[in-house]
Amino acid sequence: EIPAIIKDFTDTEMMEIALLENLQRENLTAI
């Protein structure tokens, strides 16, 4: 199991959050 917060995001919001998390927090490859 893992602790989680459940939110009702739209598809657009899901996309932006996922992209932002990786762009600002993780080291993505250049591609």
All heavy atoms as atom14 arrays in JSON, in Angstrom:
{
  "sequence": "EIPAIIKDFTDTEMMEIALLENLQRENLTAI",
  "atom14_mask": [
    [1, 1, 1, 1, 1, 1, 1, 1, 1, 0, 0, 0, 0, 0],
    [1, 1, 1, 1, 1, 1, 1, 1, 0, 0, 0, 0, 0, 0],
    [1, 1, 1, 1, 1, 1, 1, 0, 0, 0, 0, 0, 0, 0],
    [1, 1, 1, 1, 1, 0, 0, 0, 0, 0, 0, 0, 0, 0],
    [1, 1, 1, 1, 1, 1, 1, 1, 0, 0, 0, 0, 0, 0],
    [1, 1, 1, 1, 1, 1, 1, 1, 0, 0, 0, 0, 0, 0],
    [1, 1, 1, 1, 1, 1, 1, 1, 1, 0, 0, 0, 0, 0],
    [1, 1, 1, 1, 1, 1, 1, 1, 0, 0, 0, 0, 0, 0],
    [1, 1, 1, 1, 1, 1, 1, 1, 1, 1, 1, 0, 0, 0],
    [1, 1, 1, 1, 1, 1, 1, 0, 0, 0, 0, 0, 0, 0],
    [1, 1, 1, 1, 1, 1, 1, 1, 0, 0, 0, 0, 0, 0],
    [1, 1, 1, 1, 1, 1, 1, 0, 0, 0, 0, 0, 0, 0],
    [1, 1, 1, 1, 1, 1, 1, 1, 1, 0, 0, 0, 0, 0],
    [1, 1, 1, 1, 1, 1, 1, 1, 0, 0, 0, 0, 0, 0],
    [1, 1, 1, 1, 1, 1, 1, 1, 0, 0, 0, 0, 0, 0],
    [1, 1, 1, 1, 1, 1, 1, 1, 1, 0, 0, 0, 0, 0],
    [1, 1, 1, 1, 1, 1, 1, 1, 0, 0, 0, 0, 0, 0],
    [1, 1, 1, 1, 1, 0, 0, 0, 0, 0, 0, 0, 0, 0],
    [1, 1, 1, 1, 1, 1, 1, 1, 0, 0, 0, 0, 0, 0],
    [1, 1, 1, 1, 1, 1, 1, 1, 0, 0, 0, 0, 0, 0],
    [1, 1, 1, 1, 1, 1, 1, 1, 1, 0, 0, 0, 0, 0],
    [1, 1, 1, 1, 1, 1, 1, 1, 0, 0, 0, 0, 0, 0],
    [1, 1, 1, 1, 1, 1, 1, 1, 0, 0, 0, 0, 0, 0],
    [1, 1, 1, 1, 1, 1, 1, 1, 1, 0, 0, 0, 0, 0],
    [1, 1, 1, 1, 1, 1, 1, 1, 1, 1, 1, 0, 0, 0],
    [1, 1, 1, 1, 1, 1, 1, 1, 1, 0, 0, 0, 0, 0],
    [1, 1, 1, 1, 1, 1, 1, 1, 0, 0, 0, 0, 0, 0],
    [1, 1, 1, 1, 1, 1, 1, 1, 0, 0, 0, 0, 0, 0],
    [1, 1, 1, 1, 1, 1, 1, 0, 0, 0, 0, 0, 0, 0],
    [1, 1, 1, 1, 1, 0, 0, 0, 0, 0, 0, 0, 0, 0],
    [1, 1, 1, 1, 1, 1, 1, 1, 0, 0, 0, 0, 0, 0]
  ],
  "atom14_positions": [
    [[0.84, -1.2, 0.0], [0.0, 0.0, 0.0], [0.86, 1.24, 0.0], [2.04, 1.19, 0.33], [-0.91, 0.02, 1.23], [-1.94, -1.09, 1.3], [-2.82, -0.96, 2.53], [-2.31, -0.49, 3.57], [-4.01, -1.29, 2.45], [0.0, 0.0, 0.0], [0.0, 0.0, 0.0], [0.0, 0.0, 0.0], [0.0, 0.0, 0.0], [0.0, 0.0, 0.0]],
    [[0.23, 2.38, -0.36], [0.94, 3.66, -0.34], [-0.06, 4.75, 0.03], [-1.22, 4.7, -0.4], [1.59, 3.94, -1.71], [2.55, 5.13, -1.61], [0.54, 4.2, -2.79], [3.43, 5.31, -2.85], [0.0, 0.0, 0.0], [0.0, 0.0, 0.0], [0.0, 0.0, 0.0], [0.0, 0.0, 0.0], [0.0, 0.0, 0.0], [0.0, 0.0, 0.0]],
    [[0.33, 5.73, 0.86], [-0.58, 6.83, 1.2], [-0.84, 7.7, -0.02], [0.07, 7.97, -0.81], [0.17, 7.6, 2.29], [1.6, 7.24, 2.1], [1.61, 5.84, 1.59], [0.0, 0.0, 0.0], [0.0, 0.0, 0.0], [0.0, 0.0, 0.0], [0.0, 0.0, 0.0], [0.0, 0.0, 0.0], [0.0, 0.0, 0.0], [0.0, 0.0, 0.0]],
    [[-2.09, 8.14, -0.17], [-2.45, 8.91, -1.36], [-3.53, 9.93, -1.07], [-4.35, 9.76, -0.17], [-2.92, 7.97, -2.47], [0.0, 0.0, 0.0], [0.0, 0.0, 0.0], [0.0, 0.0, 0.0], [0.0, 0.0, 0.0], [0.0, 0.0, 0.0], [0.0, 0.0, 0.0], [0.0, 0.0, 0.0], [0.0, 0.0, 0.0], [0.0, 0.0, 0.0]],
    [[-3.51, 11.02, -1.84], [-4.56, 12.03, -1.83], [-5.31, 11.87, -3.15], [-4.71, 11.87, -4.21], [-3.97, 13.45, -1.73], [-3.28, 13.63, -0.37], [-5.06, 14.51, -1.91], [-2.52, 14.94, -0.25], [0.0, 0.0, 0.0], [0.0, 0.0, 0.0], [0.0, 0.0, 0.0], [0.0, 0.0, 0.0], [0.0, 0.0, 0.0], [0.0, 0.0, 0.0]],
    [[-6.63, 11.72, -3.06], [-7.44, 11.52, -4.26], [-8.04, 12.84, -4.7], [-8.7, 13.52, -3.92], [-8.56, 10.49, -4.0], [-7.98, 9.22, -3.37], [-9.29, 10.16, -5.31], [-6.89, 8.57, -4.2], [0.0, 0.0, 0.0], [0.0, 0.0, 0.0], [0.0, 0.0, 0.0], [0.0, 0.0, 0.0], [0.0, 0.0, 0.0], [0.0, 0.0, 0.0]],
    [[-7.78, 13.22, -5.96], [-8.32, 14.46, -6.52], [-8.98, 14.16, -7.86], [-8.53, 13.31, -8.62], [-7.21, 15.5, -6.72], [-6.66, 16.08, -5.41], [-7.65, 17.02, -4.78], [-7.07, 17.71, -3.55], [-8.05, 18.63, -2.94], [0.0, 0.0, 0.0], [0.0, 0.0, 0.0], [0.0, 0.0, 0.0], [0.0, 0.0, 0.0], [0.0, 0.0, 0.0]],
    [[-10.02, 14.93, -8.16], [-10.76, 14.72, -9.41], [-10.28, 15.71, -10.47], [-10.89, 16.75, -10.71], [-12.27, 14.91, -9.16], [-13.08, 14.63, -10.42], [-12.57, 13.9, -11.3], [-14.2, 15.14, -10.54], [0.0, 0.0, 0.0], [0.0, 0.0, 0.0], [0.0, 0.0, 0.0], [0.0, 0.0, 0.0], [0.0, 0.0, 0.0], [0.0, 0.0, 0.0]],
    [[-9.14, 15.4, -11.1], [-8.57, 16.27, -12.1], [-9.12, 15.98, -13.49], [-9.48, 14.84, -13.8], [-7.04, 16.11, -12.15], [-6.35, 16.53, -10.89], [-5.81, 15.6, -10.02], [-6.21, 17.87, -10.59], [-5.16, 15.98, -8.87], [-5.56, 18.27, -9.44], [-5.03, 17.33, -8.57], [0.0, 0.0, 0.0], [0.0, 0.0, 0.0], [0.0, 0.0, 0.0]],
    [[-9.11, 17.01, -14.35], [-9.45, 16.8, -15.75], [-8.22, 16.21, -16.45], [-7.11, 16.22, -15.9], [-9.81, 18.13, -16.45], [-8.64, 18.97, -16.48], [-10.93, 18.84, -15.71], [0.0, 0.0, 0.0], [0.0, 0.0, 0.0], [0.0, 0.0, 0.0], [0.0, 0.0, 0.0], [0.0, 0.0, 0.0], [0.0, 0.0, 0.0], [0.0, 0.0, 0.0]],
    [[-8.4, 15.71, -17.67], [-7.27, 15.16, -18.43], [-6.19, 16.21, -18.65], [-4.99, 15.93, -18.56], [-7.74, 14.61, -19.77], [-8.52, 13.3, -19.62], [-8.47, 12.72, -18.52], [-9.19, 12.89, -20.58], [0.0, 0.0, 0.0], [0.0, 0.0, 0.0], [0.0, 0.0, 0.0], [0.0, 0.0, 0.0], [0.0, 0.0, 0.0], [0.0, 0.0, 0.0]],
    [[-6.6, 17.44, -18.95], [-5.63, 18.51, -19.19], [-4.83, 18.81, -17.93], [-3.61, 18.99, -17.98], [-6.35, 19.8, -19.64], [-7.04, 19.54, -20.87], [-5.36, 20.94, -19.85], [0.0, 0.0, 0.0], [0.0, 0.0, 0.0], [0.0, 0.0, 0.0], [0.0, 0.0, 0.0], [0.0, 0.0, 0.0], [0.0, 0.0, 0.0], [0.0, 0.0, 0.0]],
    [[-5.51, 18.83, -16.79], [-4.81, 19.09, -15.52], [-3.86, 17.95, -15.18], [-2.75, 18.18, -14.7], [-5.85, 19.29, -14.41], [-6.63, 20.58, -14.54], [-7.88, 20.63, -13.68], [-8.32, 19.57, -13.2], [-8.42, 21.72, -13.49], [0.0, 0.0, 0.0], [0.0, 0.0, 0.0], [0.0, 0.0, 0.0], [0.0, 0.0, 0.0], [0.0, 0.0, 0.0]],
    [[-4.3, 16.71, -15.43], [-3.43, 15.56, -15.18], [-2.15, 15.66, -16.01], [-1.05, 15.39, -15.52], [-4.15, 14.26, -15.53], [-5.2, 13.83, -14.53], [-5.99, 12.28, -15.04], [-4.62, 11.13, -14.89], [0.0, 0.0, 0.0], [0.0, 0.0, 0.0], [0.0, 0.0, 0.0], [0.0, 0.0, 0.0], [0.0, 0.0, 0.0], [0.0, 0.0, 0.0]],
    [[-2.3, 16.07, -17.26], [-1.14, 16.18, -18.14], [-0.18, 17.24, -17.63], [1.02, 17.02, -17.52], [-1.59, 16.52, -19.55], [-0.43, 16.7, -20.51], [-0.93, 17.5, -22.05], [-1.36, 19.13, -21.43], [0.0, 0.0, 0.0], [0.0, 0.0, 0.0], [0.0, 0.0, 0.0], [0.0, 0.0, 0.0], [0.0, 0.0, 0.0], [0.0, 0.0, 0.0]],
    [[-0.73, 18.42, -17.3], [0.15, 19.51, -16.89], [0.86, 19.19, -15.59], [2.05, 19.47, -15.43], [-0.64, 20.82, -16.76], [0.27, 22.01, -16.53], [-0.42, 23.34, -16.78], [-1.63, 23.36, -17.04], [0.28, 24.37, -16.71], [0.0, 0.0, 0.0], [0.0, 0.0, 0.0], [0.0, 0.0, 0.0], [0.0, 0.0, 0.0], [0.0, 0.0, 0.0]],
    [[0.17, 18.57, -14.64], [0.8, 18.23, -13.37], [1.91, 17.22, -13.57], [3.01, 17.35, -13.03], [-0.24, 17.69, -12.37], [-1.16, 18.83, -11.92], [0.44, 17.08, -11.15], [-2.31, 18.38, -11.05], [0.0, 0.0, 0.0], [0.0, 0.0, 0.0], [0.0, 0.0, 0.0], [0.0, 0.0, 0.0], [0.0, 0.0, 0.0], [0.0, 0.0, 0.0]],
    [[1.65, 16.18, -14.37], [2.66, 15.15, -14.62], [3.89, 15.74, -15.29], [5.03, 15.44, -14.93], [2.07, 14.04, -15.49], [0.0, 0.0, 0.0], [0.0, 0.0, 0.0], [0.0, 0.0, 0.0], [0.0, 0.0, 0.0], [0.0, 0.0, 0.0], [0.0, 0.0, 0.0], [0.0, 0.0, 0.0], [0.0, 0.0, 0.0], [0.0, 0.0, 0.0]],
    [[3.67, 16.61, -16.28], [4.78, 17.21, -16.99], [5.57, 18.15, -16.08], [6.8, 18.15, -16.08], [4.28, 17.96, -18.22], [3.63, 17.1, -19.31], [3.13, 17.99, -20.45], [4.6, 16.07, -19.84], [0.0, 0.0, 0.0], [0.0, 0.0, 0.0], [0.0, 0.0, 0.0], [0.0, 0.0, 0.0], [0.0, 0.0, 0.0], [0.0, 0.0, 0.0]],
    [[4.86, 18.94, -15.29], [5.53, 19.88, -14.4], [6.34, 19.16, -13.33], [7.46, 19.57, -13.0], [4.51, 20.8, -13.73], [3.98, 21.96, -14.57], [2.86, 22.66, -13.84], [5.11, 22.92, -14.89], [0.0, 0.0, 0.0], [0.0, 0.0, 0.0], [0.0, 0.0, 0.0], [0.0, 0.0, 0.0], [0.0, 0.0, 0.0], [0.0, 0.0, 0.0]],
    [[5.8, 18.07, -12.79], [6.53, 17.34, -11.76], [7.87, 16.87, -12.3], [8.91, 17.0, -11.65], [5.73, 16.13, -11.26], [6.5, 15.35, -10.19], [5.84, 14.04, -9.81], [5.1, 13.48, -10.63], [6.08, 13.58, -8.7], [0.0, 0.0, 0.0], [0.0, 0.0, 0.0], [0.0, 0.0, 0.0], [0.0, 0.0, 0.0], [0.0, 0.0, 0.0]],
    [[7.85, 16.36, -13.5], [9.08, 15.84, -14.09], [10.02, 16.95, -14.54], [11.24, 16.85, -14.39], [8.74, 14.92, -15.26], [8.28, 13.56, -14.79], [9.09, 12.7, -14.47], [6.98, 13.36, -14.71], [0.0, 0.0, 0.0], [0.0, 0.0, 0.0], [0.0, 0.0, 0.0], [0.0, 0.0, 0.0], [0.0, 0.0, 0.0], [0.0, 0.0, 0.0]],
    [[9.47, 18.03, -15.1], [10.31, 19.11, -15.58], [10.99, 19.86, -14.44], [12.13, 20.3, -14.56], [9.47, 20.1, -16.41], [9.06, 19.63, -17.8], [8.04, 20.58, -18.41], [10.27, 19.52, -18.72], [0.0, 0.0, 0.0], [0.0, 0.0, 0.0], [0.0, 0.0, 0.0], [0.0, 0.0, 0.0], [0.0, 0.0, 0.0], [0.0, 0.0, 0.0]],
    [[10.29, 20.03, -13.32], [10.82, 20.84, -12.23], [11.44, 20.04, -11.1], [12.21, 20.57, -10.32], [9.71, 21.75, -11.68], [9.21, 22.75, -12.72], [8.18, 23.71, -12.15], [7.74, 23.6, -11.03], [7.79, 24.68, -12.96], [0.0, 0.0, 0.0], [0.0, 0.0, 0.0], [0.0, 0.0, 0.0], [0.0, 0.0, 0.0], [0.0, 0.0, 0.0]],
    [[11.11, 18.76, -11.03], [11.61, 17.99, -9.9], [12.58, 16.89, -10.32], [13.54, 16.6, -9.63], [10.43, 17.37, -9.12], [10.87, 16.5, -7.97], [9.69, 16.05, -7.13], [9.15, 17.14, -6.35], [8.08, 17.03, -5.57], [7.43, 15.89, -5.51], [7.65, 18.06, -4.87], [0.0, 0.0, 0.0], [0.0, 0.0, 0.0], [0.0, 0.0, 0.0]],
    [[12.32, 16.24, -11.43], [13.15, 15.12, -11.87], [14.0, 15.52, -13.06], [13.69, 16.46, -13.77], [12.26, 13.91, -12.27], [11.24, 13.53, -11.21], [11.85, 13.03, -9.93], [13.04, 12.68, -9.95], [11.16, 13.01, -8.91], [0.0, 0.0, 0.0], [0.0, 0.0, 0.0], [0.0, 0.0, 0.0], [0.0, 0.0, 0.0], [0.0, 0.0, 0.0]],
    [[15.08, 14.79, -13.27], [15.95, 15.04, -14.41], [15.5, 14.21, -15.6], [15.87, 13.05, -15.74], [17.41, 14.72, -14.07], [17.98, 15.69, -13.05], [17.7, 16.88, -13.09], [18.77, 15.18, -12.13], [0.0, 0.0, 0.0], [0.0, 0.0, 0.0], [0.0, 0.0, 0.0], [0.0, 0.0, 0.0], [0.0, 0.0, 0.0], [0.0, 0.0, 0.0]],
    [[14.69, 14.8, -16.45], [14.27, 14.12, -17.67], [15.44, 14.09, -18.64], [16.33, 14.93, -18.6], [13.12, 14.87, -18.34], [11.77, 14.91, -17.63], [10.81, 15.77, -18.43], [11.19, 13.53, -17.46], [0.0, 0.0, 0.0], [0.0, 0.0, 0.0], [0.0, 0.0, 0.0], [0.0, 0.0, 0.0], [0.0, 0.0, 0.0], [0.0, 0.0, 0.0]],
    [[15.44, 13.12, -19.54], [16.41, 13.18, -20.64], [15.99, 14.34, -21.53], [14.85, 14.82, -21.47], [16.43, 11.88, -21.47], [15.19, 11.76, -22.18], [16.63, 10.66, -20.57], [0.0, 0.0, 0.0], [0.0, 0.0, 0.0], [0.0, 0.0, 0.0], [0.0, 0.0, 0.0], [0.0, 0.0, 0.0], [0.0, 0.0, 0.0], [0.0, 0.0, 0.0]],
    [[16.91, 14.81, -22.37], [16.61, 15.95, -23.23], [15.43, 15.65, -24.16], [14.61, 16.53, -24.44], [17.85, 16.32, -24.04], [0.0, 0.0, 0.0], [0.0, 0.0, 0.0], [0.0, 0.0, 0.0], [0.0, 0.0, 0.0], [0.0, 0.0, 0.0], [0.0, 0.0, 0.0], [0.0, 0.0, 0.0], [0.0, 0.0, 0.0], [0.0, 0.0, 0.0]],
    [[15.34, 14.41, -24.64], [14.25, 14.04, -25.54], [12.92, 14.0, -24.78], [11.89, 14.45, -25.29], [14.52, 12.68, -26.21], [15.78, 12.75, -27.07], [13.33, 12.23, -27.04], [15.71, 13.77, -28.19], [0.0, 0.0, 0.0], [0.0, 0.0, 0.0], [0.0, 0.0, 0.0], [0.0, 0.0, 0.0], [0.0, 0.0, 0.0], [0.0, 0.0, 0.0]]
  ]
}
